[in-house]
N, C-alpha and C. Protein backbone atom coordinates (compact mmCIF):
# COMPACT_ATOMS: atom_id res chain seq x y z
N MET A 1 1.19 -1.40 -0.09
CA MET A 1 0.39 0.02 0.35
C MET A 1 1.47 1.12 0.09
N GLN A 2 0.90 1.88 -0.91
CA GLN A 2 1.59 3.43 -0.55
C GLN A 2 0.74 4.41 0.12
N PRO A 3 1.58 5.59 0.68
CA PRO A 3 1.89 6.20 1.84
C PRO A 3 0.16 6.55 1.19
N ALA A 4 -0.63 6.80 2.40
CA ALA A 4 -1.81 7.57 2.77
C ALA A 4 -2.20 8.85 2.70
N SER A 5 -2.60 9.70 1.77
CA SER A 5 -2.63 11.02 2.09
C SER A 5 -4.12 11.79 2.70
N VAL A 6 -3.87 12.96 3.33
CA VAL A 6 -5.14 12.86 4.04
C VAL A 6 -5.13 14.25 3.75
N ARG A 7 -6.74 14.86 3.76
CA ARG A 7 -6.99 15.52 3.24
C ARG A 7 -8.42 16.55 4.45
N GLN A 8 -8.84 17.56 3.88
CA GLN A 8 -9.90 18.19 4.43
C GLN A 8 -11.05 17.49 3.65
N ALA A 9 -12.45 16.80 3.95
CA ALA A 9 -13.46 16.31 3.55
C ALA A 9 -13.88 17.82 3.44
N SER A 10 -15.05 17.59 2.14
CA SER A 10 -16.06 18.49 1.09
C SER A 10 -17.24 17.81 1.69
N SER A 11 -18.94 18.23 0.77
CA SER A 11 -19.74 17.75 0.49
C SER A 11 -19.26 16.95 -0.35
N ALA A 12 -18.31 16.79 -1.52
CA ALA A 12 -18.11 16.36 -2.24
C ALA A 12 -17.89 14.88 -2.12
N ASP A 13 -17.25 14.17 -1.03
CA ASP A 13 -16.63 13.68 0.11
C ASP A 13 -18.09 11.94 -0.04
N LEU A 14 -19.71 12.99 0.29
CA LEU A 14 -20.24 12.52 1.16
C LEU A 14 -21.16 10.68 1.25
N GLU A 15 -20.23 10.44 -0.71
CA GLU A 15 -20.64 9.04 -0.79
C GLU A 15 -19.72 8.32 0.16
N THR A 16 -18.23 8.41 -0.01
CA THR A 16 -17.21 7.39 0.65
C THR A 16 -17.53 7.63 1.50
N LEU A 17 -17.88 8.66 3.12
CA LEU A 17 -18.06 8.63 3.93
C LEU A 17 -18.40 8.44 4.47
N VAL A 18 -20.16 8.32 4.00
CA VAL A 18 -21.06 7.14 4.35
C VAL A 18 -20.73 5.21 4.19
N SER A 19 -19.11 5.16 3.35
CA SER A 19 -18.47 3.85 3.54
C SER A 19 -18.22 3.43 4.04
N LEU A 20 -17.33 4.84 5.23
CA LEU A 20 -16.48 4.47 5.79
C LEU A 20 -17.28 4.35 7.19
N PHE A 21 -17.81 5.93 7.54
CA PHE A 21 -18.35 5.68 8.80
C PHE A 21 -19.73 5.26 9.57
N ASP A 22 -20.42 4.56 8.46
CA ASP A 22 -20.92 3.18 8.65
C ASP A 22 -20.46 1.51 9.22
N GLY A 23 -18.34 2.25 8.82
CA GLY A 23 -18.00 0.49 8.93
C GLY A 23 -17.64 1.03 10.72
N TYR A 24 -17.55 2.74 10.32
CA TYR A 24 -16.58 3.04 11.77
C TYR A 24 -17.65 2.45 13.15
N ARG A 25 -19.60 2.90 13.17
CA ARG A 25 -20.31 2.21 13.80
C ARG A 25 -20.37 1.41 13.97
N GLN A 26 -20.11 0.12 12.80
CA GLN A 26 -20.73 -1.69 12.52
C GLN A 26 -19.57 -1.95 13.39
N PHE A 27 -18.12 -1.29 13.46
CA PHE A 27 -17.03 -1.64 13.94
C PHE A 27 -17.27 -1.54 15.43
N TYR A 28 -18.18 -0.72 16.30
CA TYR A 28 -18.59 -0.47 17.75
C TYR A 28 -20.29 -1.07 17.67
N GLY A 29 -20.69 -2.01 16.72
CA GLY A 29 -21.58 -2.44 16.92
C GLY A 29 -23.26 -2.16 16.88
N GLN A 30 -23.31 -1.19 16.16
CA GLN A 30 -23.92 -0.66 15.78
C GLN A 30 -24.86 -1.24 13.88
N PRO A 31 -26.09 -0.81 13.95
CA PRO A 31 -26.34 -2.21 12.79
C PRO A 31 -26.51 -0.66 11.62
N CYS A 32 -26.18 -1.70 10.53
CA CYS A 32 -25.92 -0.46 9.47
C CYS A 32 -27.28 -0.19 8.46
N GLU A 33 -26.94 1.57 9.71
CA GLU A 33 -28.10 2.46 8.20
C GLU A 33 -27.53 3.58 7.39
N LEU A 34 -27.45 3.35 6.07
CA LEU A 34 -26.45 4.23 5.78
C LEU A 34 -27.26 5.04 5.40
N ASP A 35 -28.89 5.35 5.14
CA ASP A 35 -29.51 6.46 5.51
C ASP A 35 -29.71 7.23 6.58
N ARG A 36 -29.38 6.87 7.87
CA ARG A 36 -28.62 7.43 8.90
C ARG A 36 -27.67 7.86 8.53
N VAL A 37 -27.13 7.29 8.25
CA VAL A 37 -25.58 8.10 7.70
C VAL A 37 -25.50 9.15 6.92
N ARG A 38 -25.70 9.17 6.42
CA ARG A 38 -25.93 9.48 4.65
C ARG A 38 -26.53 11.17 5.91
N GLU A 39 -27.76 11.20 5.56
CA GLU A 39 -27.87 12.00 7.28
C GLU A 39 -27.28 13.46 7.68
N PHE A 40 -26.38 12.35 9.05
CA PHE A 40 -26.00 13.18 9.85
C PHE A 40 -24.93 13.59 9.20
N LEU A 41 -23.53 12.77 8.47
CA LEU A 41 -22.96 13.16 7.85
C LEU A 41 -23.54 14.57 6.57
N SER A 42 -24.27 14.86 6.03
CA SER A 42 -24.74 16.12 5.88
C SER A 42 -25.55 16.47 6.17
N GLU A 43 -25.03 17.07 7.43
CA GLU A 43 -26.47 18.29 7.77
C GLU A 43 -24.32 18.86 8.32
N ARG A 44 -23.20 17.73 8.94
CA ARG A 44 -22.43 18.36 9.54
C ARG A 44 -21.51 19.18 8.39
N LEU A 45 -21.93 18.38 7.43
CA LEU A 45 -20.68 19.43 6.29
C LEU A 45 -21.43 20.62 5.76
N THR A 46 -22.80 20.22 5.76
CA THR A 46 -23.08 21.64 5.34
C THR A 46 -23.19 22.84 6.37
N GLN A 47 -23.60 22.60 7.67
CA GLN A 47 -23.93 23.06 8.88
C GLN A 47 -22.08 23.59 9.27
N GLY A 48 -20.96 23.20 8.82
CA GLY A 48 -20.11 23.27 9.27
C GLY A 48 -19.95 22.65 10.30
N ASP A 49 -20.49 22.37 11.38
CA ASP A 49 -20.12 22.10 12.70
C ASP A 49 -19.76 20.49 13.21
N SER A 50 -18.61 20.72 12.61
CA SER A 50 -17.31 19.49 12.39
C SER A 50 -16.52 19.62 11.81
N VAL A 51 -14.65 19.24 11.10
CA VAL A 51 -14.23 18.95 10.65
C VAL A 51 -13.53 17.68 10.38
N LEU A 52 -13.85 17.85 9.04
CA LEU A 52 -13.77 15.41 9.23
C LEU A 52 -11.98 15.28 7.80
N PHE A 53 -11.40 14.96 7.95
CA PHE A 53 -10.65 14.22 7.31
C PHE A 53 -10.86 12.56 7.07
N ILE A 54 -10.35 12.91 5.68
CA ILE A 54 -10.47 11.68 5.19
C ILE A 54 -8.73 11.19 4.20
N ALA A 55 -8.36 9.87 4.71
CA ALA A 55 -7.31 10.03 4.28
C ALA A 55 -7.30 7.94 2.99
N GLU A 56 -7.24 9.26 1.65
CA GLU A 56 -6.65 7.70 0.84
C GLU A 56 -5.57 7.24 0.36
N ALA A 57 -5.28 6.37 -0.27
CA ALA A 57 -4.33 5.81 -0.84
C ALA A 57 -5.02 4.17 -1.51
N ASP A 58 -3.53 4.46 -2.81
CA ASP A 58 -4.39 3.09 -3.67
C ASP A 58 -5.08 3.45 -4.61
N GLY A 59 -5.40 5.31 -4.18
CA GLY A 59 -7.43 5.49 -4.96
C GLY A 59 -8.65 5.18 -4.38
N ARG A 60 -8.52 5.28 -3.08
CA ARG A 60 -9.79 4.52 -2.54
C ARG A 60 -9.68 5.35 -0.86
N ALA A 61 -10.30 5.19 -0.33
CA ALA A 61 -10.60 5.98 0.80
C ALA A 61 -10.85 4.24 2.06
N VAL A 62 -9.61 5.22 2.54
CA VAL A 62 -8.69 4.06 3.95
C VAL A 62 -8.74 4.67 5.02
N GLY A 63 -9.48 6.15 5.35
CA GLY A 63 -9.92 5.91 7.13
C GLY A 63 -9.80 7.83 7.23
N PHE A 64 -10.78 7.50 8.65
CA PHE A 64 -11.24 9.37 8.73
C PHE A 64 -10.72 9.76 10.06
N THR A 65 -11.59 11.37 10.58
CA THR A 65 -11.12 11.46 11.17
C THR A 65 -11.71 12.70 11.49
N GLN A 66 -12.45 12.74 12.61
CA GLN A 66 -14.09 13.86 12.75
C GLN A 66 -13.67 14.40 14.60
N LEU A 67 -13.16 16.15 13.80
CA LEU A 67 -13.64 17.26 14.93
C LEU A 67 -14.55 17.68 14.81
N TYR A 68 -14.76 18.08 16.25
CA TYR A 68 -15.55 18.50 16.90
C TYR A 68 -14.60 20.15 17.28
N PRO A 69 -15.68 21.28 17.29
CA PRO A 69 -15.31 23.15 17.78
C PRO A 69 -15.51 22.77 19.25
N SER A 70 -15.12 23.04 20.08
CA SER A 70 -15.71 23.17 20.84
C SER A 70 -14.51 24.17 21.69
N PHE A 71 -14.94 24.73 23.22
CA PHE A 71 -13.64 25.37 23.98
C PHE A 71 -13.64 24.82 25.36
N SER A 72 -12.50 25.07 25.87
CA SER A 72 -11.50 25.16 27.25
C SER A 72 -12.28 26.10 28.06
N SER A 73 -12.62 25.82 29.28
CA SER A 73 -12.77 26.59 29.81
C SER A 73 -11.34 27.16 31.21
N VAL A 74 -10.17 26.30 31.29
CA VAL A 74 -9.43 26.22 32.01
C VAL A 74 -8.65 27.49 31.19
N SER A 75 -8.42 27.03 29.78
CA SER A 75 -7.20 28.28 29.03
C SER A 75 -8.18 28.93 28.70
N MET A 76 -9.23 29.04 27.83
CA MET A 76 -10.41 30.20 27.36
C MET A 76 -10.27 30.30 26.26
N ALA A 77 -9.41 29.49 25.51
CA ALA A 77 -9.82 29.66 23.95
C ALA A 77 -10.56 28.19 23.63
N PRO A 78 -11.02 28.35 22.61
CA PRO A 78 -11.44 27.26 21.12
C PRO A 78 -10.61 26.38 20.90
N ILE A 79 -11.20 24.92 21.12
CA ILE A 79 -10.08 23.69 20.79
C ILE A 79 -10.77 23.03 20.10
N PHE A 80 -10.36 22.07 19.77
CA PHE A 80 -11.36 20.35 18.97
C PHE A 80 -11.18 19.68 19.81
N ILE A 81 -12.65 19.11 19.80
CA ILE A 81 -12.82 17.54 19.72
C ILE A 81 -12.53 15.78 18.78
N LEU A 82 -11.54 15.42 19.17
CA LEU A 82 -11.42 14.37 18.40
C LEU A 82 -11.68 13.39 18.57
N ASN A 83 -13.86 13.29 18.17
CA ASN A 83 -14.34 12.57 17.86
C ASN A 83 -14.27 10.88 17.84
N ASP A 84 -14.18 11.14 16.39
CA ASP A 84 -13.90 9.73 16.02
C ASP A 84 -12.70 9.77 14.86
N LEU A 85 -12.31 9.05 14.90
CA LEU A 85 -11.10 7.77 13.77
C LEU A 85 -11.62 6.56 13.68
N PHE A 86 -11.32 6.11 12.55
CA PHE A 86 -11.45 5.47 12.09
C PHE A 86 -11.08 4.54 10.74
N VAL A 87 -10.64 3.59 10.40
CA VAL A 87 -9.09 2.87 9.26
C VAL A 87 -9.75 1.92 9.19
N ARG A 88 -9.89 1.64 7.77
CA ARG A 88 -10.27 0.94 7.27
C ARG A 88 -9.61 -1.00 8.15
N PRO A 89 -9.74 -1.73 8.00
CA PRO A 89 -8.93 -2.87 8.59
C PRO A 89 -7.26 -3.61 7.47
N GLU A 90 -7.68 -4.07 6.31
CA GLU A 90 -7.14 -3.73 5.50
C GLU A 90 -5.37 -2.49 5.14
N ALA A 91 -6.29 -1.92 5.62
CA ALA A 91 -5.09 -0.67 5.87
C ALA A 91 -4.00 -0.32 7.44
N ARG A 92 -4.76 -0.81 8.17
CA ARG A 92 -4.00 -0.63 10.00
C ARG A 92 -3.11 -0.95 9.44
N ARG A 93 -2.08 0.50 10.60
CA ARG A 93 -0.04 -0.82 11.06
C ARG A 93 -0.05 0.29 10.22
N SER A 94 -0.44 0.38 8.85
CA SER A 94 0.59 1.23 7.19
C SER A 94 0.87 2.79 7.85
N GLY A 95 0.14 3.44 9.13
CA GLY A 95 0.59 4.73 9.01
C GLY A 95 -0.66 5.92 9.06
N VAL A 96 -1.55 4.74 8.77
CA VAL A 96 -3.26 5.47 7.88
C VAL A 96 -3.34 6.91 9.55
N ALA A 97 -3.65 6.03 10.61
CA ALA A 97 -3.96 5.98 11.06
C ALA A 97 -3.00 8.06 11.88
N ARG A 98 -1.66 7.78 11.29
CA ARG A 98 -0.87 8.18 11.98
C ARG A 98 -1.17 9.46 11.47
N ARG A 99 -0.67 9.78 10.24
CA ARG A 99 -1.57 10.82 9.00
C ARG A 99 -2.33 11.25 9.47
N LEU A 100 -3.56 10.77 9.70
CA LEU A 100 -4.84 11.08 10.60
C LEU A 100 -5.18 12.08 11.86
N LEU A 101 -4.16 11.41 12.58
CA LEU A 101 -4.49 12.32 13.41
C LEU A 101 -2.77 13.43 13.37
N GLU A 102 -2.10 13.69 12.80
CA GLU A 102 -1.02 14.76 12.09
C GLU A 102 -2.00 15.66 11.61
N ALA A 103 -3.49 15.55 10.72
CA ALA A 103 -3.61 16.15 10.40
C ALA A 103 -4.91 17.45 11.18
N ALA A 104 -5.01 16.15 11.88
CA ALA A 104 -5.92 16.49 13.61
C ALA A 104 -5.10 17.95 14.42
N LEU A 105 -4.22 17.73 14.79
CA LEU A 105 -3.27 17.83 15.52
C LEU A 105 -3.03 19.53 14.34
N ARG A 106 -1.79 20.04 13.14
CA ARG A 106 -2.38 20.93 12.72
C ARG A 106 -4.00 21.79 12.69
N GLN A 107 -4.75 21.08 12.32
CA GLN A 107 -5.96 21.53 13.14
C GLN A 107 -5.78 22.20 13.85
N GLY A 108 -5.76 21.67 14.88
CA GLY A 108 -5.84 22.72 16.48
C GLY A 108 -4.68 23.84 16.28
N ARG A 109 -3.63 23.20 16.31
CA ARG A 109 -3.10 24.54 15.81
C ARG A 109 -3.39 25.78 15.60
């Protein structure tokens, strides 16, 4: 597998994200609910209330992470909460998660 590239996802990535996000939910024992996932992600992308990064390798999407903006009371500053991180099983242990976390870190800074 070639090294994954990571970029911020846009509305154009919705269908690709639906597959990844549904796989993520199934990993945690949730049923396949493609229509609900599509609606949820479409709202996040349209409303801009989260930041999604997508990792691609060998011409296909292999992972994603989702950050939610919030605030830290102690530092009185904006922060991001990394809520979701998923890498397809066949792409695990190849550096995809690391690249997604690096993108999340850059966004937070």
